[in-house]
Amino acid sequence: STMYQNGQTNGNFKSQQINALPYILAKKNQKIKYKLNSQDLVDDPNSVKDLGVLISNDLSARAHCNYIAKKALRVVNLILRSFFSGNITLLTRAYKTFA
C-alpha cells in the first residue's frame, strides 16, 4: 500500500501517531483490529478527530455536537464574565464579534 511504501522510504510510522477508529461489522458483530508492524494501533477509542470533526465509533454526530456546544458555552461564559451589562443588544453584538 502507499502508506507502507511511504513508511519504507521516509522513515517508520509510529503507532502513537496514527489513529484508527474501529467499527463493528453488522453481520458478524466483531470489531476490526488495525495493526502496524504487528502492533495494535489503538486501544479502542470512542471518537477520533479528523479535519476538526469528531467521528465516533458508531458514526453518529453526538460527540461532535457535544464538542461544539461545549465550545460555544465557553465563549458565551467568557463574554458574560467580561461584560457587566444586562443590555441584550450589547451582549449579542459582543458574541457576534468574538465568536
Protein backbone atom coordinates (compact mmCIF):
# COMPACT_ATOMS: atom_id res chain seq x y z
CA SER A 1 0.00 0.00 0.00
CA THR A 2 1.01 3.64 -0.39
CA MET A 3 1.17 4.15 3.36
CA TYR A 4 3.56 1.22 3.70
CA GLN A 5 5.75 2.49 0.85
CA ASN A 6 5.93 5.98 2.39
CA GLY A 7 6.98 4.42 5.67
CA GLN A 8 9.75 2.49 3.97
CA THR A 9 11.14 5.48 2.06
CA ASN A 10 10.56 8.34 4.53
CA GLY A 11 11.07 6.60 7.84
CA ASN A 12 8.96 4.48 10.12
CA PHE A 13 5.45 5.29 11.18
CA LYS A 14 4.90 5.31 14.92
CA SER A 15 1.77 3.63 16.17
CA GLN A 16 1.22 6.52 18.62
CA GLN A 17 0.88 8.97 15.70
CA ILE A 18 -1.79 7.02 13.82
CA ASN A 19 -5.42 6.83 14.87
CA ALA A 20 -7.83 4.27 13.54
CA LEU A 21 -11.44 4.11 14.60
CA PRO A 22 -12.58 0.50 14.74
CA TYR A 23 -16.16 -0.16 13.81
CA ILE A 24 -18.39 -3.16 14.33
CA LEU A 25 -19.27 -5.29 11.35
CA ALA A 26 -23.05 -5.52 11.33
CA LYS A 27 -23.39 -9.14 10.25
CA LYS A 28 -20.50 -10.64 12.21
CA ASN A 29 -20.75 -8.38 15.29
CA GLN A 30 -16.99 -8.16 15.65
CA LYS A 31 -14.57 -5.26 15.59
CA ILE A 32 -11.81 -4.87 13.06
CA LYS A 33 -8.38 -4.54 14.66
CA TYR A 34 -5.81 -2.45 12.85
CA LYS A 35 -2.12 -3.28 13.17
CA LEU A 36 1.13 -1.63 12.14
CA ASN A 37 4.29 -3.76 12.26
CA SER A 38 2.36 -6.41 14.24
CA GLN A 39 1.33 -3.86 16.91
CA ASP A 40 -2.23 -2.73 17.57
CA LEU A 41 -2.76 0.90 16.54
CA VAL A 42 -5.42 1.92 19.06
CA ASP A 43 -6.86 0.77 22.35
CA ASP A 44 -10.44 1.18 21.08
CA PRO A 45 -11.19 4.93 21.26
CA ASN A 46 -14.74 6.24 21.41
CA SER A 47 -14.05 9.00 18.90
CA VAL A 48 -11.33 10.37 16.64
CA LYS A 49 -10.90 13.98 15.49
CA ASP A 50 -10.22 14.35 11.76
CA LEU A 51 -10.14 17.73 10.00
CA GLY A 52 -11.84 19.34 13.00
CA VAL A 53 -14.76 16.90 13.04
CA LEU A 54 -15.23 14.31 15.78
CA ILE A 55 -16.19 10.93 14.38
CA SER A 56 -17.49 8.40 16.89
CA ASN A 57 -17.16 4.64 16.58
CA ASP A 58 -20.91 4.31 15.92
CA LEU A 59 -20.69 7.04 13.22
CA SER A 60 -23.20 9.30 14.98
CA ALA A 61 -22.82 13.07 15.25
CA ARG A 62 -23.47 13.10 19.02
CA ALA A 63 -19.82 13.51 20.06
CA HIS A 64 -19.22 16.32 17.56
CA CYS A 65 -22.42 18.16 18.56
CA ASN A 66 -21.47 17.93 22.24
CA TYR A 67 -17.97 19.24 21.46
CA ILE A 68 -19.34 22.22 19.50
CA ALA A 69 -21.95 23.00 22.19
CA LYS A 70 -19.30 22.99 24.94
CA LYS A 71 -17.06 25.22 22.84
CA ALA A 72 -19.91 27.71 22.29
CA LEU A 73 -20.77 27.71 26.01
CA ARG A 74 -17.15 28.53 26.87
CA VAL A 75 -17.27 31.56 24.54
CA VAL A 76 -20.62 32.72 25.92
CA ASN A 77 -19.42 32.36 29.53
CA LEU A 78 -16.26 34.30 28.73
CA ILE A 79 -18.32 37.13 27.23
CA LEU A 80 -20.78 37.17 30.15
CA ARG A 81 -17.90 37.34 32.65
CA SER A 82 -16.20 40.14 30.68
CA PHE A 83 -19.18 42.47 30.27
CA PHE A 84 -21.07 43.71 33.32
CA SER A 85 -24.14 44.75 31.38
CA GLY A 86 -27.65 43.39 31.18
CA ASN A 87 -28.15 45.03 27.80
CA ILE A 88 -29.09 42.20 25.41
CA THR A 89 -28.10 44.23 22.33
CA LEU A 90 -24.60 44.81 23.70
CA LEU A 91 -24.16 41.15 24.67
CA THR A 92 -25.42 39.97 21.27
CA ARG A 93 -23.04 42.32 19.48
CA ALA A 94 -20.15 41.12 21.68
CA TYR A 95 -20.99 37.48 20.93
CA LYS A 96 -21.13 38.10 17.17
CA THR A 97 -17.83 39.98 17.34
CA PHE A 98 -15.84 37.49 19.43
CA ALA A 99 -17.41 34.15 18.49
